[in-house]
Each structure stands twice: as C-alpha cells, then as structure tokens.
Amino acid sequence: SRPILDMSYSRHFLDFQGSSIPSSMKKLVVTKLSQNFREAVTLQRDSPVPLPGDGDLLVRNRFVGINASDINYSAGRYDASVKPPFDIGFEGVGEVVALGLSASADYTVGQAVAYVKAGSFAEYTVVPARQAVPLPSVKPEFLTLMVSGATAYLSLKELGDLSEGKKVLVTAAAGGTGQFAVQLAKKAKCHVIGTCSSDEKGGFLKSIGCDHTINYRTENVESVLRKDYPEGVDVVYESVGGKMFDLALNALAIKGRLIVIGFIAGYQNPTGLQPVKAELLPAKLLKKSASVRGFFLNHYLSDYKMALQHLLKMYERGDLVCEVDFGDMSPEGKFTGLESVFRAVDYMYMGKNIGKIVVELPHSVSSKL
C-alpha cells in the first residue's frame, strides 16, 4: 500500500487523512463478447488502481448491484463499436477515498456515495463528481434505487398515466425493479396484480401491498387474468418478454398501456430475444386503442436526479421497502467479493431472488477512515 500523503501520486490529489490505497486491485473485465457471462467475463487480480482527475472521485466500492442487462452488456448489445476488453458493472455504493481538487468543492474523503457508471465490478472506480449521488451512509438499500427504483419511478410517471382505481399488472413483480413498480402503483391508489415464481415471493409481494399475486409455476396466468379481470388491465409493467409479453398484451383493457422495460426471458439467447407474436400486434392495438411503449433509463437522464431524490426521501421516511437479496439462500451462501458476481448472475437467471441482488465487497484495506 502507498499512502496518498505523497502528492507526487497525482497532481490533483488531496491529503485524505492517511488512508492508504493499494497500487493494484481486482476487477471484472469483458474479454470476449458472449451472452454467457462466465464465458465473457474474466476476474483480473492485479489491475492498477485508477487515478481520479481534477473533477473526479475515487470510490472504494462496498456494494455493487446485479442487473439482468449485465449479460446484454457482456454480449456487446448496447454499443457495437466497443471491443473487448472493457469494464463491466453498472452501479455501486461506497466511500470516497481520494478526489481531485475541483471535486473537493462538493465532496470530502470518507463520504458515502452511489453512482451509475460502467465499471462498478471493481474494488475501486473513478466516478466524475457530477455523476455521484451523496448518501447519508453506505447502505445496500440505497443501491436498489439507482437503476431498479429509478426505472420503475420514471417509466410509470412518464408512460403509466396512473390514477386511482386503475388495474396495474407487474410481471416479475418480486424482482429488483418489480418491487418498486408494485409499491409506486399502490401509492397511486391502483389495484396491483403481480406475477412471480413461488409462494414465498407471493408472500413478499403481499407484504408490500400487492392486491393479487399469481404464481406462474402453479397457476395459468392467462386464465386467471381472463377470469378475474374480464375487462382487462389498464397498465402492464413488463420485464419478462416472450410468452409473458404475449399474454400481457392480450390482457390489456380498452386504451390500455404496456410498458416494456426489458425482456429477461430472451437475454441468454444468442440474439437476446425470445419470439413474440408480433404479426398480430397492429390488429390487437387497433382493436383496443392500446399502446406499447419502450422505456430505457438512459433516455430519461434529465429527470434522473429528481427521481432519485424523491425515492431517497420516500425510503428515509419509511414509505418504501428496498428489499436486498445477498444470496444468503443460494447453494454456496452470501455473495461476497467480486468472485461471487458470477454466482449472483446465475442466481438471477434461475429466478431465485426476492428484491435486488447485491454483492458485498468486504474491506481488504487498512484504513483510518
């Protein structure tokens, strides 16, 4: 370890209370494009710890979030021009251990921050200060809001047109983002239906206010919707794709809206897609004056900070449950350390998680912070 009291380490470094930072670290890197995460990604054990520039923070990551789209990123589906090797991981929570001179106007060493930026699957990540979100403490619950919570909040606000009494169907409702769609629709006084894969998940959904849960492993979702909601549902928050998309589309009411926030059922396929009955789409939409809208968080970044502040306040007031799944119930136990990111991705695709999957990166550094 080398102490950052030595100003030669970087022109812009400030003295940060004698905390020491190692010169190398572990990180995950995409070394081959593939939707098979284990094939695509390599754990590098001796990468140099990056240096923050003038407007940057160096964040020691304590918790990193797993997202279904991690395997879209490792397959190169978001930007065809980017060639391996490249860093992976979308979001992290940790503390500032070093910072540039300009960044020190707003941040101090030891401060808890969260961020959304590629490269979080690493022990240390450089984050531009303007992209960081200051937090009251380093807690994994805050991580659930960064991508998953913000996606639910902004998509329902911008595209959902929620109002009292509307019927809202949330697919994969007990997952990282589904849990927020359920709660936010309930806050808008809607009637919420959630699909899930186990009775345990159904119990969790009821605990956060879901009015009607459907276990798709033991019940026929289409039959249940037809029987219990003969007039259809007004809004669908859809993240599964394939057959679930088809039956959600069929379940729409007159003037219903289906919001596509993902299609996890297809991500492990070479194309990233599962077939849907799209040739019938124009007729089905016309017949009901219905609509299908896509939502991608990156296109709504101008509203992102507002959404996050709103969600943080809700959580701090106790108005929002932010369920975290550390994989305690997984065969090899809790997700600890970057090595366990591979297991965590597998766990997500087995549909085992309740809430947001989070990996803890324990302190391996001697520090006075």
Foldseek 3Di string as FASTA:
>chain_A
DDWPVPCVVDVFKDHAPRFDDDQFWWAKWQADAALQDVVGIDIDGGHGQDDAEQQKFKFQFFKAFDDLCQSVVSNCVPPVVDDDGDAAGFKTKGFTQIHGNVNVVPDGGRWIWMFTDGHNRIRIDIDRSVRIHTDPDGDCLLRLCQAQVLQLQVCCVPPVPAAAAAEEEEELLQESNNVNNLLVSVVRNYQYEYEAADVVSVVVSVVSPHNHYHRVVPDPVLVVLCVPPVQAGAEYADAAADPVVQSNLVRHHQQHEYEYAHHSNQSNPSVSHHDDPCVCVVVSCVVRVYYYHYDDVVVVVVCRVVSSVVVVVCVVVVNGDQDECQPCVPPVGGQEHSVSSSVQNVCVSVRNDRHIYMHGYDDPGDTPD
